[in-house]
Amino acid sequence: MSDQFPSSSDDLGSLQASIQRLTEKLALVTTAVQKLATDRVQLEEKIEDAQKRIQHILSRLPEQTDGRQMNLLGESSAPEPEDGNEPTTH
């Protein structure tokens, strides 16, 4: 029956080495998963912030019935001519 369960020190040492390698790999995988979870939370926060900025910009758009254009950046600019013609310099 001792043939079914080898108990030589070489086999035991090999098994211990394999367990050690697997333990180290498992630690690396665990660290990587934790980093991915952290990165995901950060990306979700960035997406939420971007959605808020987009919503803010969209809320500043003029109504569909308003034919005027609005400067979304808030910079002052010269008013557009009412007749739709570009101003001439000659």
C-alpha atoms as a PDB file:
ATOM      1  CA  MET A   1       0.000   0.000   0.000  1.00  0.00           C
ATOM      2  CA  SER A   2       2.944   2.276   0.395  1.00  0.00           C
ATOM      3  CA  ASP A   3       3.230   2.268  -3.425  1.00  0.00           C
ATOM      4  CA  GLN A   4      -0.105   4.114  -3.691  1.00  0.00           C
ATOM      5  CA  PHE A   5       1.057   6.979  -1.469  1.00  0.00           C
ATOM      6  CA  PRO A   6       4.656   7.839  -2.232  1.00  0.00           C
ATOM      7  CA  SER A   7       6.228   9.493   0.740  1.00  0.00           C
ATOM      8  CA  SER A   8       9.740  10.126  -0.425  1.00  0.00           C
ATOM      9  CA  SER A   9      11.281  13.420   0.637  1.00  0.00           C
ATOM     10  CA  ASP A  10      11.826  14.363  -3.026  1.00  0.00           C
ATOM     11  CA  ASP A  11       8.113  14.159  -3.744  1.00  0.00           C
ATOM     12  CA  LEU A  12       7.315  16.115  -0.596  1.00  0.00           C
ATOM     13  CA  GLY A  13       9.854  18.794  -1.462  1.00  0.00           C
ATOM     14  CA  SER A  14       8.481  19.054  -4.974  1.00  0.00           C
ATOM     15  CA  LEU A  15       4.961  19.378  -3.629  1.00  0.00           C
ATOM     16  CA  GLN A  16       6.027  22.083  -1.181  1.00  0.00           C
ATOM     17  CA  ALA A  17       7.787  23.987  -3.975  1.00  0.00           C
ATOM     18  CA  SER A  18       4.653  23.780  -6.117  1.00  0.00           C
ATOM     19  CA  ILE A  19       2.512  25.039  -3.246  1.00  0.00           C
ATOM     20  CA  GLN A  20       4.944  27.921  -2.693  1.00  0.00           C
ATOM     21  CA  ARG A  21       4.831  28.897  -6.394  1.00  0.00           C
ATOM     22  CA  LEU A  22       1.039  28.756  -6.406  1.00  0.00           C
ATOM     23  CA  THR A  23       0.886  30.841  -3.235  1.00  0.00           C
ATOM     24  CA  GLU A  24       3.095  33.511  -4.818  1.00  0.00           C
ATOM     25  CA  LYS A  25       1.045  33.511  -8.019  1.00  0.00           C
ATOM     26  CA  LEU A  26      -2.167  33.757  -6.036  1.00  0.00           C
ATOM     27  CA  ALA A  27      -0.778  36.766  -4.154  1.00  0.00           C
ATOM     28  CA  LEU A  28       0.083  38.451  -7.478  1.00  0.00           C
ATOM     29  CA  VAL A  29      -3.379  37.755  -8.873  1.00  0.00           C
ATOM     30  CA  THR A  30      -5.019  39.070  -5.709  1.00  0.00           C
ATOM     31  CA  THR A  31      -2.994  42.289  -5.910  1.00  0.00           C
ATOM     32  CA  ALA A  32      -3.867  42.701  -9.596  1.00  0.00           C
ATOM     33  CA  VAL A  33      -7.581  42.202  -8.899  1.00  0.00           C
ATOM     34  CA  GLN A  34      -7.476  44.788  -6.110  1.00  0.00           C
ATOM     35  CA  LYS A  35      -5.752  47.274  -8.424  1.00  0.00           C
ATOM     36  CA  LEU A  36      -8.329  46.637 -11.142  1.00  0.00           C
ATOM     37  CA  ALA A  37     -11.149  47.235  -8.651  1.00  0.00           C
ATOM     38  CA  THR A  38      -9.550  50.529  -7.597  1.00  0.00           C
ATOM     39  CA  ASP A  39      -9.039  51.560 -11.221  1.00  0.00           C
ATOM     40  CA  ARG A  40     -12.654  50.719 -12.013  1.00  0.00           C
ATOM     41  CA  VAL A  41     -13.929  52.916  -9.187  1.00  0.00           C
ATOM     42  CA  GLN A  42     -11.748  55.789 -10.414  1.00  0.00           C
ATOM     43  CA  LEU A  43     -12.977  55.361 -13.992  1.00  0.00           C
ATOM     44  CA  GLU A  44     -16.605  55.256 -12.837  1.00  0.00           C
ATOM     45  CA  GLU A  45     -16.036  58.535 -10.960  1.00  0.00           C
ATOM     46  CA  LYS A  46     -14.474  60.112 -14.066  1.00  0.00           C
ATOM     47  CA  ILE A  47     -17.420  58.976 -16.190  1.00  0.00           C
ATOM     48  CA  GLU A  48     -19.866  60.416 -13.666  1.00  0.00           C
ATOM     49  CA  ASP A  49     -17.999  63.748 -13.653  1.00  0.00           C
ATOM     50  CA  ALA A  50     -17.969  63.831 -17.462  1.00  0.00           C
ATOM     51  CA  GLN A  51     -21.706  63.109 -17.551  1.00  0.00           C
ATOM     52  CA  LYS A  52     -22.320  65.986 -15.149  1.00  0.00           C
ATOM     53  CA  ARG A  53     -20.240  68.344 -17.304  1.00  0.00           C
ATOM     54  CA  ILE A  54     -22.109  67.254 -20.428  1.00  0.00           C
ATOM     55  CA  GLN A  55     -25.444  67.754 -18.682  1.00  0.00           C
ATOM     56  CA  HIS A  56     -24.343  71.225 -17.585  1.00  0.00           C
ATOM     57  CA  ILE A  57     -23.365  72.121 -21.167  1.00  0.00           C
ATOM     58  CA  LEU A  58     -26.628  70.722 -22.522  1.00  0.00           C
ATOM     59  CA  SER A  59     -28.608  72.718 -19.984  1.00  0.00           C
ATOM     60  CA  ARG A  60     -26.993  75.897 -21.343  1.00  0.00           C
ATOM     61  CA  LEU A  61     -28.087  75.220 -24.913  1.00  0.00           C
ATOM     62  CA  PRO A  62     -30.800  77.545 -26.230  1.00  0.00           C
ATOM     63  CA  GLU A  63     -34.310  76.222 -26.662  1.00  0.00           C
ATOM     64  CA  GLN A  64     -35.139  74.643 -30.014  1.00  0.00           C
ATOM     65  CA  THR A  65     -37.439  77.585 -30.823  1.00  0.00           C
ATOM     66  CA  ASP A  66     -34.604  80.056 -30.237  1.00  0.00           C
ATOM     67  CA  GLY A  67     -32.791  80.686 -33.524  1.00  0.00           C
ATOM     68  CA  ARG A  68     -29.810  82.377 -31.882  1.00  0.00           C
ATOM     69  CA  GLN A  69     -26.568  80.594 -31.187  1.00  0.00           C
ATOM     70  CA  MET A  70     -25.109  80.537 -27.708  1.00  0.00           C
ATOM     71  CA  ASN A  71     -21.445  80.599 -26.879  1.00  0.00           C
ATOM     72  CA  LEU A  72     -21.086  77.489 -24.693  1.00  0.00           C
ATOM     73  CA  LEU A  73     -17.691  78.497 -23.376  1.00  0.00           C
ATOM     74  CA  GLY A  74     -19.035  81.743 -21.948  1.00  0.00           C
ATOM     75  CA  GLU A  75     -16.641  83.941 -23.923  1.00  0.00           C
ATOM     76  CA  SER A  76     -17.953  87.254 -25.178  1.00  0.00           C
ATOM     77  CA  SER A  77     -18.147  87.625 -28.919  1.00  0.00           C
ATOM     78  CA  ALA A  78     -19.467  90.156 -31.387  1.00  0.00           C
ATOM     79  CA  PRO A  79     -23.192  89.761 -32.126  1.00  0.00           C
ATOM     80  CA  GLU A  80     -24.130  88.163 -35.409  1.00  0.00           C
ATOM     81  CA  PRO A  81     -25.741  90.442 -38.012  1.00  0.00           C
ATOM     82  CA  GLU A  82     -29.512  90.123 -38.095  1.00  0.00           C
ATOM     83  CA  ASP A  83     -29.768  89.827 -41.880  1.00  0.00           C
ATOM     84  CA  GLY A  84     -27.476  86.781 -42.025  1.00  0.00           C
ATOM     85  CA  ASN A  85     -24.931  88.519 -44.272  1.00  0.00           C
ATOM     86  CA  GLU A  86     -21.317  88.579 -43.285  1.00  0.00           C
ATOM     87  CA  PRO A  87     -19.900  92.041 -42.576  1.00  0.00           C
ATOM     88  CA  THR A  88     -17.762  93.378 -45.407  1.00  0.00           C
ATOM     89  CA  THR A  89     -14.581  95.350 -45.191  1.00  0.00           C
ATOM     90  CA  HIS A  90     -14.849  97.205 -48.518  1.00  0.00           C
END
